[in-house]
């Protein structure tokens, strides 16, 4: 079954990210009900995936009151070759399989969170951009 939603793309400059904190920042909100259709990370430097020294990148729905914890999308650089980030190439961040989590109420705020495990710098990003594909309106996920 398909939806009649018209996809739009928001491009959010993240800049340099120090994931040792971890680092989290607000990246997206819309005045109308919105469905997240996809997310991609682009960085200016290569990042080689490693089982122990890895970065985890997530989109979190903070809701209207900054208390939300629902993970809309996440991906880890933990599988060599498969999870490598290539400079200037869109790296897909995996959407939550629960479609209801992809539905944002009007005014909900998404944050981007980067954290690392292992050696210092394993989750850092040099100069990154986040792409969020979304559609305005109800997507049938709830």
N, C-alpha and C. Protein backbone atom coordinates (compact mmCIF):
# COMPACT_ATOMS: atom_id res chain seq x y z
N UNK A 1 0.84 -1.17 0.00
CA UNK A 1 0.00 0.00 0.00
C UNK A 1 0.89 1.23 0.00
N UNK A 2 0.65 2.17 -0.87
CA UNK A 2 1.48 3.36 -0.94
C UNK A 2 0.76 4.54 -0.30
N UNK A 3 1.53 5.56 0.00
CA UNK A 3 0.95 6.78 0.54
C UNK A 3 0.98 7.85 -0.54
N UNK A 4 0.17 8.88 -0.38
CA UNK A 4 0.13 9.96 -1.35
C UNK A 4 0.89 11.18 -0.83
N UNK A 5 1.96 10.93 -0.12
CA UNK A 5 2.74 12.00 0.47
C UNK A 5 3.82 12.46 -0.50
N UNK A 6 3.99 13.77 -0.62
CA UNK A 6 5.04 14.32 -1.47
C UNK A 6 6.30 14.50 -0.65
N UNK A 7 7.40 13.81 -0.99
CA UNK A 7 8.62 13.92 -0.20
C UNK A 7 9.30 15.28 -0.37
N UNK A 8 9.81 15.79 0.73
CA UNK A 8 10.61 17.01 0.77
C UNK A 8 11.91 16.65 1.47
N UNK A 9 12.96 17.44 1.25
CA UNK A 9 14.25 17.18 1.89
C UNK A 9 14.74 18.42 2.60
N UNK A 10 15.10 18.25 3.87
CA UNK A 10 15.73 19.32 4.65
C UNK A 10 17.22 19.00 4.72
N UNK A 11 18.05 20.00 4.44
CA UNK A 11 19.50 19.86 4.55
C UNK A 11 19.96 20.65 5.77
N UNK A 12 20.54 19.96 6.73
CA UNK A 12 20.92 20.58 7.99
C UNK A 12 22.44 20.52 8.15
N UNK A 13 23.12 21.66 8.11
CA UNK A 13 24.57 21.66 8.36
C UNK A 13 24.85 21.33 9.83
N UNK A 14 25.67 20.33 10.08
CA UNK A 14 26.03 19.95 11.44
C UNK A 14 27.40 20.50 11.84
N UNK A 15 28.23 20.75 10.84
CA UNK A 15 29.59 21.22 11.12
C UNK A 15 30.44 20.12 11.70
N UNK A 16 31.41 20.52 12.51
CA UNK A 16 32.30 19.56 13.15
C UNK A 16 31.60 18.99 14.38
N UNK A 17 31.67 17.68 14.55
CA UNK A 17 31.02 17.00 15.67
C UNK A 17 32.08 16.28 16.51
N UNK A 18 32.09 16.57 17.81
CA UNK A 18 32.94 15.85 18.75
C UNK A 18 32.04 14.89 19.52
N UNK A 19 32.11 13.62 19.16
CA UNK A 19 31.19 12.62 19.70
C UNK A 19 31.59 12.10 21.08
N UNK A 20 32.68 12.60 21.65
CA UNK A 20 33.15 12.08 22.93
C UNK A 20 32.24 12.48 24.08
N UNK A 21 31.39 13.49 23.87
CA UNK A 21 30.54 14.04 24.92
C UNK A 21 29.45 13.18 25.47
N UNK A 22 28.53 12.56 24.81
CA UNK A 22 28.28 12.70 23.37
C UNK A 22 27.76 14.09 23.02
N UNK A 23 27.67 14.38 21.73
CA UNK A 23 27.14 15.67 21.28
C UNK A 23 25.74 15.47 20.72
N UNK A 24 24.83 16.36 21.13
CA UNK A 24 23.45 16.30 20.65
C UNK A 24 22.98 17.72 20.35
N UNK A 25 22.31 17.89 19.21
CA UNK A 25 21.81 19.21 18.84
C UNK A 25 20.48 19.12 18.11
N UNK A 26 19.62 20.13 18.27
CA UNK A 26 18.33 20.12 17.56
C UNK A 26 18.56 20.32 16.07
N UNK A 27 17.81 19.57 15.25
CA UNK A 27 18.03 19.66 13.80
C UNK A 27 16.77 19.84 12.97
N UNK A 28 15.58 19.49 13.50
CA UNK A 28 14.40 19.53 12.65
C UNK A 28 13.14 19.68 13.48
N UNK A 29 12.21 20.47 12.95
CA UNK A 29 10.87 20.59 13.51
C UNK A 29 9.97 21.13 12.40
N UNK A 30 8.69 20.83 12.48
CA UNK A 30 7.76 21.35 11.49
C UNK A 30 6.47 21.75 12.18
N UNK A 31 5.82 22.77 11.65
CA UNK A 31 4.58 23.27 12.27
C UNK A 31 3.37 22.38 12.01
N UNK A 32 3.53 21.41 11.11
CA UNK A 32 2.45 20.48 10.80
C UNK A 32 2.89 19.05 11.10
N UNK A 33 1.92 18.16 11.21
CA UNK A 33 2.22 16.74 11.38
C UNK A 33 3.12 16.29 10.23
N UNK A 34 4.15 15.53 10.54
CA UNK A 34 5.17 15.17 9.55
C UNK A 34 5.54 13.69 9.69
N UNK A 35 5.85 13.08 8.56
CA UNK A 35 6.34 11.70 8.56
C UNK A 35 7.77 11.69 8.04
N UNK A 36 8.67 11.06 8.76
CA UNK A 36 10.06 10.94 8.33
C UNK A 36 10.16 9.76 7.37
N UNK A 37 10.75 10.02 6.21
CA UNK A 37 10.85 9.01 5.15
C UNK A 37 12.27 8.48 4.95
N UNK A 38 13.26 9.26 5.39
CA UNK A 38 14.64 8.84 5.22
C UNK A 38 15.59 9.81 5.88
N UNK A 39 16.81 9.35 6.15
CA UNK A 39 17.85 10.21 6.73
C UNK A 39 19.20 9.74 6.23
N UNK A 40 20.06 10.71 5.91
CA UNK A 40 21.40 10.42 5.41
C UNK A 40 22.39 11.38 6.05
N UNK A 41 23.56 10.89 6.30
CA UNK A 41 24.65 11.70 6.83
C UNK A 41 25.70 11.82 5.73
N UNK A 42 26.25 13.01 5.56
CA UNK A 42 27.34 13.24 4.61
C UNK A 42 28.45 13.95 5.37
N UNK A 43 29.67 13.45 5.26
CA UNK A 43 30.81 14.09 5.90
C UNK A 43 31.88 14.38 4.85
N UNK A 44 32.80 15.26 5.18
CA UNK A 44 33.86 15.61 4.24
C UNK A 44 35.07 14.69 4.36
N UNK A 45 35.05 13.76 5.31
CA UNK A 45 36.17 12.84 5.50
C UNK A 45 35.68 11.41 5.57
N UNK A 46 36.56 10.49 5.19
CA UNK A 46 36.26 9.07 5.31
C UNK A 46 36.30 8.66 6.77
N UNK A 47 35.47 7.70 7.13
CA UNK A 47 35.50 7.11 8.47
C UNK A 47 35.42 5.60 8.28
N UNK A 48 36.47 4.90 8.70
CA UNK A 48 36.53 3.45 8.56
C UNK A 48 35.85 2.81 9.76
N UNK A 49 34.90 1.94 9.49
CA UNK A 49 34.15 1.25 10.54
C UNK A 49 35.06 0.28 11.30
N UNK A 50 34.76 0.09 12.58
CA UNK A 50 35.56 -0.79 13.43
C UNK A 50 34.64 -1.38 14.51
N UNK A 51 34.82 -2.65 14.81
CA UNK A 51 33.95 -3.32 15.78
C UNK A 51 34.03 -2.71 17.18
N UNK A 52 35.18 -2.21 17.58
CA UNK A 52 35.35 -1.68 18.93
C UNK A 52 35.41 -0.16 18.99
N UNK A 53 35.98 0.46 17.98
CA UNK A 53 36.13 1.91 17.91
C UNK A 53 35.11 2.43 16.91
N UNK A 54 33.98 2.89 17.42
CA UNK A 54 32.85 3.17 16.53
C UNK A 54 32.09 4.41 16.96
N UNK A 55 31.33 4.92 16.00
CA UNK A 55 30.43 6.04 16.27
C UNK A 55 29.00 5.57 16.10
N UNK A 56 28.12 6.12 16.92
CA UNK A 56 26.68 5.86 16.81
C UNK A 56 26.00 7.19 16.53
N UNK A 57 25.19 7.23 15.48
CA UNK A 57 24.53 8.45 15.05
C UNK A 57 23.02 8.21 15.05
N UNK A 58 22.29 9.06 15.75
CA UNK A 58 20.86 8.84 15.93
C UNK A 58 20.05 10.11 15.75
N UNK A 59 18.82 9.94 15.26
CA UNK A 59 17.81 11.00 15.28
C UNK A 59 16.82 10.64 16.37
N UNK A 60 16.59 11.56 17.28
CA UNK A 60 15.73 11.30 18.43
C UNK A 60 14.58 12.30 18.44
N UNK A 61 13.36 11.81 18.62
CA UNK A 61 12.20 12.69 18.73
C UNK A 61 12.11 13.19 20.17
N UNK A 62 12.46 14.44 20.38
CA UNK A 62 12.43 15.04 21.72
C UNK A 62 11.02 15.50 22.09
N UNK A 63 10.09 15.45 21.12
CA UNK A 63 8.70 15.85 21.37
C UNK A 63 8.57 17.36 21.48
N UNK A 64 7.54 17.80 22.18
CA UNK A 64 7.27 19.23 22.35
C UNK A 64 7.96 19.81 23.59
N UNK A 65 8.27 18.95 24.55
CA UNK A 65 8.80 19.44 25.83
C UNK A 65 10.23 18.97 26.11
N UNK A 66 10.95 18.55 25.09
CA UNK A 66 12.34 18.11 25.20
C UNK A 66 12.53 16.88 26.07
N UNK A 67 11.46 16.12 26.29
CA UNK A 67 11.54 14.95 27.15
C UNK A 67 11.49 13.63 26.37
N UNK A 68 11.26 13.70 25.06
CA UNK A 68 11.12 12.49 24.27
C UNK A 68 12.42 11.73 24.09
N UNK A 69 12.29 10.42 23.93
CA UNK A 69 13.46 9.56 23.77
C UNK A 69 13.33 8.59 22.59
N UNK A 70 12.25 8.71 21.82
CA UNK A 70 12.01 7.76 20.72
C UNK A 70 13.09 7.93 19.63
N UNK A 71 13.76 6.85 19.31
CA UNK A 71 14.81 6.87 18.29
C UNK A 71 14.14 6.67 16.92
N UNK A 72 14.17 7.71 16.11
CA UNK A 72 13.57 7.69 14.78
C UNK A 72 14.46 6.96 13.79
N UNK A 73 15.78 7.15 13.92
CA UNK A 73 16.74 6.51 13.02
C UNK A 73 18.07 6.41 13.74
N UNK A 74 18.83 5.36 13.43
CA UNK A 74 20.16 5.21 14.04
C UNK A 74 21.03 4.31 13.16
N UNK A 75 22.34 4.52 13.26
CA UNK A 75 23.29 3.65 12.57
C UNK A 75 24.63 3.75 13.28
N UNK A 76 25.37 2.65 13.28
CA UNK A 76 26.65 2.55 13.96
C UNK A 76 27.73 2.18 12.96
N UNK A 77 28.92 2.76 13.12
CA UNK A 77 30.05 2.41 12.26
C UNK A 77 30.82 1.26 12.89
N UNK A 78 30.16 0.10 13.02
CA UNK A 78 30.77 -1.02 13.73
C UNK A 78 31.10 -2.23 12.85
N UNK A 79 30.70 -2.23 11.61
CA UNK A 79 30.99 -3.35 10.72
C UNK A 79 31.89 -2.87 9.59
N UNK A 80 33.18 -3.29 9.61
CA UNK A 80 34.11 -2.86 8.56
C UNK A 80 33.55 -3.12 7.17
N UNK A 81 33.81 -2.22 6.27
CA UNK A 81 33.36 -2.18 4.88
C UNK A 81 31.88 -1.82 4.78
N UNK A 82 31.01 -2.55 5.46
CA UNK A 82 29.58 -2.30 5.38
C UNK A 82 29.19 -0.94 5.93
N UNK A 83 29.80 -0.51 7.03
CA UNK A 83 29.40 0.72 7.71
C UNK A 83 30.41 1.86 7.57
N UNK A 84 31.34 1.73 6.64
CA UNK A 84 32.29 2.83 6.40
C UNK A 84 31.55 4.06 5.90
N UNK A 85 31.99 5.22 6.34
CA UNK A 85 31.49 6.49 5.80
C UNK A 85 32.51 6.96 4.77
N UNK A 86 32.05 7.19 3.55
CA UNK A 86 32.92 7.67 2.47
C UNK A 86 32.68 9.16 2.30
N UNK A 87 33.77 9.91 2.22
CA UNK A 87 33.67 11.37 2.09
C UNK A 87 32.78 11.75 0.92
N UNK A 88 31.87 12.70 1.16
CA UNK A 88 30.98 13.29 0.17
C UNK A 88 29.99 12.30 -0.44
N UNK A 89 29.74 11.19 0.25
CA UNK A 89 28.77 10.20 -0.22
C UNK A 89 27.68 10.06 0.85
N UNK A 90 26.40 10.06 0.42
CA UNK A 90 25.29 9.90 1.35
C UNK A 90 25.39 8.55 2.06
N UNK A 91 25.36 8.60 3.39
CA UNK A 91 25.43 7.40 4.24
C UNK A 91 24.08 7.26 4.91
N UNK A 92 23.29 6.25 4.53
CA UNK A 92 21.93 6.12 5.07
C UNK A 92 21.93 5.77 6.56
N UNK A 93 21.09 6.49 7.30
CA UNK A 93 20.86 6.20 8.72
C UNK A 93 19.55 5.41 8.76
N UNK A 94 19.58 4.25 9.37
CA UNK A 94 18.47 3.30 9.31
C UNK A 94 17.26 3.78 10.13
N UNK A 95 16.11 3.83 9.45
CA UNK A 95 14.87 4.25 10.11
C UNK A 95 14.36 3.16 11.06
N UNK A 96 13.69 3.58 12.11
CA UNK A 96 13.05 2.67 13.05
C UNK A 96 12.01 1.84 12.28
N UNK A 97 11.96 0.55 12.56
CA UNK A 97 11.02 -0.34 11.87
C UNK A 97 9.57 -0.10 12.30
N UNK A 98 9.38 0.51 13.47
CA UNK A 98 8.04 0.82 13.97
C UNK A 98 7.57 2.12 13.29
N UNK A 99 6.67 2.00 12.34
CA UNK A 99 6.24 3.17 11.56
C UNK A 99 5.62 4.27 12.41
N UNK A 100 5.04 3.92 13.54
CA UNK A 100 4.44 4.96 14.38
C UNK A 100 5.50 5.92 14.93
N UNK A 101 6.73 5.46 15.07
CA UNK A 101 7.83 6.31 15.56
C UNK A 101 8.23 7.34 14.50
N UNK A 102 7.94 7.05 13.24
CA UNK A 102 8.30 7.96 12.15
C UNK A 102 7.32 9.10 11.99
N UNK A 103 6.19 9.03 12.71
CA UNK A 103 5.16 10.07 12.67
C UNK A 103 5.46 11.12 13.74
N UNK A 104 5.64 12.37 13.35
CA UNK A 104 5.91 13.45 14.29
C UNK A 104 4.67 14.33 14.40
N UNK A 105 4.31 14.66 15.61
CA UNK A 105 3.22 15.61 15.82
C UNK A 105 3.70 17.00 15.45
N UNK A 106 2.78 17.90 15.15
CA UNK A 106 3.14 19.28 14.84
C UNK A 106 3.97 19.85 15.99
N UNK A 107 5.12 20.41 15.66
CA UNK A 107 5.97 21.04 16.65
C UNK A 107 6.99 20.13 17.32
N UNK A 108 6.90 18.81 17.12
CA UNK A 108 7.92 17.92 17.68
C UNK A 108 9.30 18.34 17.18
N UNK A 109 10.31 18.14 18.01
CA UNK A 109 11.68 18.50 17.65
C UNK A 109 12.52 17.23 17.56
N UNK A 110 13.24 17.09 16.45
CA UNK A 110 14.21 16.00 16.30
C UNK A 110 15.59 16.53 16.67
N UNK A 111 16.35 15.70 17.38
CA UNK A 111 17.75 16.03 17.64
C UNK A 111 18.63 15.01 16.93
N UNK A 112 19.86 15.43 16.63
CA UNK A 112 20.88 14.54 16.08
C UNK A 112 21.87 14.29 17.21
N UNK A 113 22.12 13.02 17.50
CA UNK A 113 23.04 12.67 18.58
C UNK A 113 24.17 11.83 18.02
N UNK A 114 25.41 12.23 18.34
CA UNK A 114 26.60 11.47 17.95
C UNK A 114 27.34 11.07 19.21
N UNK A 115 27.65 9.79 19.33
CA UNK A 115 28.43 9.30 20.47
C UNK A 115 29.41 8.25 19.98
N UNK A 116 30.45 8.06 20.77
CA UNK A 116 31.48 7.12 20.33
C UNK A 116 31.82 6.13 21.43
N UNK A 117 32.38 5.00 20.99
CA UNK A 117 32.88 3.98 21.90
C UNK A 117 34.27 3.60 21.40
N UNK A 118 35.15 3.32 22.32
CA UNK A 118 36.51 2.95 21.93
C UNK A 118 37.43 4.15 21.99
N UNK A 119 38.31 4.26 21.01
CA UNK A 119 39.32 5.32 21.02
C UNK A 119 38.70 6.69 20.81
N UNK A 120 39.36 7.69 21.37
CA UNK A 120 38.92 9.08 21.19
C UNK A 120 38.92 9.43 19.72
N UNK A 121 37.86 10.10 19.29
CA UNK A 121 37.75 10.50 17.89
C UNK A 121 37.07 9.48 17.00
N UNK A 122 36.76 8.29 17.53
CA UNK A 122 36.18 7.24 16.68
C UNK A 122 34.79 7.59 16.16
N UNK A 123 34.10 8.52 16.79
CA UNK A 123 32.78 8.91 16.33
C UNK A 123 32.71 10.34 15.83
N UNK A 124 33.85 11.04 15.85
CA UNK A 124 33.87 12.44 15.43
C UNK A 124 33.58 12.58 13.94
N UNK A 125 32.99 13.71 13.58
CA UNK A 125 32.74 14.03 12.17
C UNK A 125 33.49 15.33 11.86
N UNK A 126 34.05 15.42 10.66
CA UNK A 126 34.89 16.54 10.28
C UNK A 126 34.09 17.78 9.93
N UNK A 127 33.18 17.65 9.01
CA UNK A 127 32.30 18.76 8.60
C UNK A 127 31.09 18.10 7.93
N UNK A 128 30.07 17.85 8.72
CA UNK A 128 28.97 17.00 8.27
C UNK A 128 27.70 17.78 7.94
N UNK A 129 26.88 17.13 7.13
CA UNK A 129 25.55 17.62 6.77
C UNK A 129 24.59 16.45 6.98
N UNK A 130 23.40 16.75 7.47
CA UNK A 130 22.36 15.75 7.65
C UNK A 130 21.24 16.05 6.67
N UNK A 131 20.79 15.04 5.95
CA UNK A 131 19.63 15.17 5.06
C UNK A 131 18.47 14.41 5.69
N UNK A 132 17.33 15.06 5.79
CA UNK A 132 16.12 14.41 6.30
C UNK A 132 15.04 14.52 5.24
N UNK A 133 14.59 13.36 4.74
CA UNK A 133 13.49 13.33 3.80
C UNK A 133 12.20 13.16 4.61
N UNK A 134 11.21 14.00 4.32
CA UNK A 134 9.99 13.97 5.10
C UNK A 134 8.79 14.33 4.20
N UNK A 135 7.62 14.09 4.73
CA UNK A 135 6.39 14.48 4.04
C UNK A 135 5.46 15.10 5.08
N UNK A 136 4.75 16.11 4.68
CA UNK A 136 3.80 16.78 5.56
C UNK A 136 2.49 16.03 5.51
N UNK A 137 1.92 15.77 6.68
CA UNK A 137 0.64 15.09 6.76
C UNK A 137 0.73 13.75 7.42
N UNK A 138 -0.38 13.11 7.53
CA UNK A 138 -0.48 11.81 8.17
C UNK A 138 0.00 10.72 7.24
N UNK A 139 0.88 9.84 7.72
CA UNK A 139 1.43 8.79 6.88
C UNK A 139 0.86 7.41 7.13
N UNK A 140 -0.08 7.28 8.02
CA UNK A 140 -0.69 5.98 8.26
C UNK A 140 0.06 5.09 9.22
N UNK A 141 1.11 5.61 9.86
CA UNK A 141 1.93 4.78 10.73
C UNK A 141 1.35 4.60 12.14
N UNK A 142 0.41 5.42 12.52
CA UNK A 142 -0.13 5.33 13.87
C UNK A 142 -1.44 4.56 13.85
